[in-house]
């Protein structure tokens, strides 16, 4: 009986290690598929979770935390970021609720919008609110700017999206 338990334990341990190795290979292969050309244009190096820093938390009208905003600041200008990720909190935990990578802004349904990728330098916050924020896309090393982009939580559809005025 003890031998059977030991064999079963070793088998389960091997299976877990094999599964973890597969996840690492999948994430490494996924990183290779990133749009490198667009990232170079946007002054973005390869994206790594350690390059991101916590910026703020977004809350619902009732005060519950919806998501955590993390940005990847540019090395030469800490007020400007190249990428943004809003990860879920509470019932949306471990979900990516919104992301900005290069010139593509995406939410849970897919691509929300694209900004021009010609001479894209990065993004800067204009304002931050309880359940939304406003950013600008910066061009030509920060000399040119886009119109304001207001990203807010849609309470009806439960996604972050661009609010069109």
Protein backbone atom coordinates (compact mmCIF):
# COMPACT_ATOMS: atom_id res chain seq x y z
CA UNK A 1 0.00 0.00 0.00
CA UNK A 2 2.84 2.42 0.89
CA UNK A 3 4.62 1.69 -2.39
CA UNK A 4 1.45 2.49 -4.35
CA UNK A 5 1.10 5.82 -2.52
CA UNK A 6 4.74 6.69 -3.18
CA UNK A 7 4.43 5.83 -6.88
CA UNK A 8 1.22 7.85 -7.13
CA UNK A 9 2.86 10.83 -5.36
CA UNK A 10 5.90 10.74 -7.70
CA UNK A 11 3.62 10.48 -10.74
CA UNK A 12 1.51 13.48 -9.66
CA UNK A 13 4.60 15.54 -8.88
CA UNK A 14 6.04 14.75 -12.33
CA UNK A 15 2.77 15.66 -14.02
CA UNK A 16 2.63 19.03 -12.22
CA UNK A 17 6.20 19.88 -13.21
CA UNK A 18 5.51 18.88 -16.81
CA UNK A 19 2.38 21.10 -16.92
CA UNK A 20 4.32 24.09 -15.49
CA UNK A 21 7.01 23.62 -18.13
CA UNK A 22 4.34 23.69 -20.85
CA UNK A 23 2.90 26.98 -19.49
CA UNK A 24 6.33 28.61 -19.54
CA UNK A 25 6.91 27.48 -23.14
CA UNK A 26 3.51 28.78 -24.22
CA UNK A 27 4.08 32.21 -22.64
CA UNK A 28 7.59 32.44 -24.15
CA UNK A 29 6.23 31.54 -27.59
CA UNK A 30 3.39 34.06 -27.17
CA UNK A 31 5.89 36.83 -26.40
CA UNK A 32 7.74 36.06 -29.66
CA UNK A 33 4.51 36.69 -31.59
CA UNK A 34 4.17 40.31 -30.40
CA UNK A 35 4.11 42.96 -33.15
CA UNK A 36 7.77 43.94 -32.82
CA UNK A 37 7.75 46.51 -35.63
CA UNK A 38 4.87 48.48 -34.10
CA UNK A 39 6.47 48.28 -30.66
CA UNK A 40 9.73 49.72 -31.99
CA UNK A 41 7.85 52.60 -33.57
CA UNK A 42 6.20 53.31 -30.23
CA UNK A 43 9.53 53.36 -28.36
CA UNK A 44 8.55 50.11 -26.61
CA UNK A 45 10.89 47.26 -25.85
CA UNK A 46 9.63 43.72 -25.30
CA UNK A 47 6.90 43.66 -22.67
CA UNK A 48 7.66 42.03 -19.35
CA UNK A 49 5.46 42.04 -16.26
CA UNK A 50 8.39 43.27 -14.18
CA UNK A 51 8.62 46.42 -16.33
CA UNK A 52 5.13 47.51 -15.25
CA UNK A 53 4.44 49.59 -12.17
CA UNK A 54 1.21 50.03 -10.26
CA UNK A 55 -0.36 53.39 -11.06
CA UNK A 56 -3.79 53.34 -9.40
CA UNK A 57 -6.94 51.37 -8.58
CA UNK A 58 -10.28 52.02 -10.27
CA UNK A 59 -13.47 51.72 -8.23
CA UNK A 60 -17.16 51.34 -8.97
CA UNK A 61 -19.80 53.82 -7.81
CA UNK A 62 -20.35 51.65 -4.73
CA UNK A 63 -16.64 51.79 -3.85
CA UNK A 64 -15.74 48.23 -4.87
CA UNK A 65 -12.41 47.88 -6.65
CA UNK A 66 -12.93 47.11 -10.34
CA UNK A 67 -9.35 46.92 -11.50
CA UNK A 68 -5.73 47.74 -10.99
CA UNK A 69 -4.01 50.04 -13.53
CA UNK A 70 -0.39 49.21 -14.29
CA UNK A 71 1.77 51.16 -16.70
CA UNK A 72 5.14 50.68 -18.34
CA UNK A 73 6.91 54.07 -18.11
CA UNK A 74 9.41 55.09 -20.76
CA UNK A 75 13.00 54.96 -19.61
CA UNK A 76 13.74 58.53 -20.66
CA UNK A 77 10.44 60.11 -19.49
CA UNK A 78 8.64 58.72 -16.42
CA UNK A 79 5.49 60.83 -17.11
CA UNK A 80 4.96 58.97 -20.38
CA UNK A 81 4.09 55.29 -20.65
CA UNK A 82 4.31 52.88 -23.56
CA UNK A 83 1.88 50.21 -22.36
CA UNK A 84 -1.01 49.94 -19.93
CA UNK A 85 -2.83 46.97 -18.43
CA UNK A 86 -5.94 47.00 -16.26
CA UNK A 87 -6.19 43.70 -14.44
CA UNK A 88 -9.39 42.70 -12.73
CA UNK A 89 -10.07 42.64 -9.03
CA UNK A 90 -12.80 40.91 -7.05
CA UNK A 91 -15.12 39.01 -9.39
CA UNK A 92 -12.89 39.95 -12.37
CA UNK A 93 -9.67 38.80 -10.67
CA UNK A 94 -6.94 37.59 -13.03
CA UNK A 95 -8.77 39.01 -16.07
CA UNK A 96 -7.18 41.62 -18.32
CA UNK A 97 -9.97 44.19 -18.54
CA UNK A 98 -8.14 46.67 -20.78
CA UNK A 99 -4.74 47.00 -22.39
CA UNK A 100 -2.73 49.40 -24.50
CA UNK A 101 0.12 47.89 -26.48
CA UNK A 102 1.69 50.09 -29.10
CA UNK A 103 -1.07 51.70 -31.14
CA UNK A 104 -3.77 49.13 -30.21
CA UNK A 105 -6.24 49.75 -27.36
CA UNK A 106 -8.15 46.57 -26.42
CA UNK A 107 -10.84 45.51 -23.99
CA UNK A 108 -12.49 42.19 -23.15
CA UNK A 109 -14.36 42.16 -26.47
CA UNK A 110 -11.25 42.74 -28.60
CA UNK A 111 -9.80 45.84 -30.21
CA UNK A 112 -11.49 48.98 -28.86
CA UNK A 113 -9.65 51.34 -31.22
CA UNK A 114 -6.31 51.99 -32.88
CA UNK A 115 -4.38 55.23 -32.83
CA UNK A 116 -2.00 56.27 -35.58
CA UNK A 117 1.28 54.40 -35.32
CA UNK A 118 3.27 57.00 -37.27
CA UNK A 119 5.91 58.42 -34.91
CA UNK A 120 3.97 57.21 -31.85
CA UNK A 121 6.02 58.08 -28.76
CA UNK A 122 3.76 56.92 -25.93
CA UNK A 123 0.80 57.97 -23.78
CA UNK A 124 0.28 60.40 -20.89
CA UNK A 125 -2.53 60.69 -18.36
CA UNK A 126 -4.61 63.87 -18.62
CA UNK A 127 -6.87 63.04 -15.66
CA UNK A 128 -7.85 60.13 -13.44
CA UNK A 129 -11.28 59.54 -11.94
CA UNK A 130 -12.86 56.92 -9.72
CA UNK A 131 -13.95 54.62 -12.58
CA UNK A 132 -12.27 56.17 -15.62
CA UNK A 133 -9.24 58.03 -16.90
CA UNK A 134 -8.28 60.26 -19.79
CA UNK A 135 -5.07 59.91 -21.80
CA UNK A 136 -3.34 61.50 -24.77
CA UNK A 137 -1.34 59.70 -27.42
CA UNK A 138 1.97 61.49 -27.92
CA UNK A 139 3.82 61.70 -31.22
CA UNK A 140 7.21 62.99 -32.44
CA UNK A 141 9.02 62.56 -29.10
CA UNK A 142 6.12 64.14 -27.22
CA UNK A 143 5.81 67.27 -29.36
CA UNK A 144 2.52 66.26 -31.00
CA UNK A 145 -0.61 65.08 -29.20
CA UNK A 146 -3.87 63.38 -30.09
CA UNK A 147 -7.34 64.33 -28.94
CA UNK A 148 -8.24 63.19 -25.44
CA UNK A 149 -9.07 59.49 -25.14
CA UNK A 150 -11.49 58.83 -22.27
CA UNK A 151 -11.55 55.22 -21.09
CA UNK A 152 -14.29 54.38 -18.59
CA UNK A 153 -16.06 51.46 -16.98
CA UNK A 154 -19.38 50.62 -18.64
CA UNK A 155 -21.62 49.43 -15.80
CA UNK A 156 -24.14 47.85 -18.16
CA UNK A 157 -21.72 45.73 -20.24
CA UNK A 158 -19.08 45.33 -17.48
CA UNK A 159 -16.13 46.34 -19.66
CA UNK A 160 -13.77 49.29 -19.97
CA UNK A 161 -14.29 51.14 -23.24
CA UNK A 162 -13.63 54.44 -24.90
CA UNK A 163 -16.33 56.93 -24.04
CA UNK A 164 -17.33 58.89 -27.09
CA UNK A 165 -18.53 62.40 -26.30
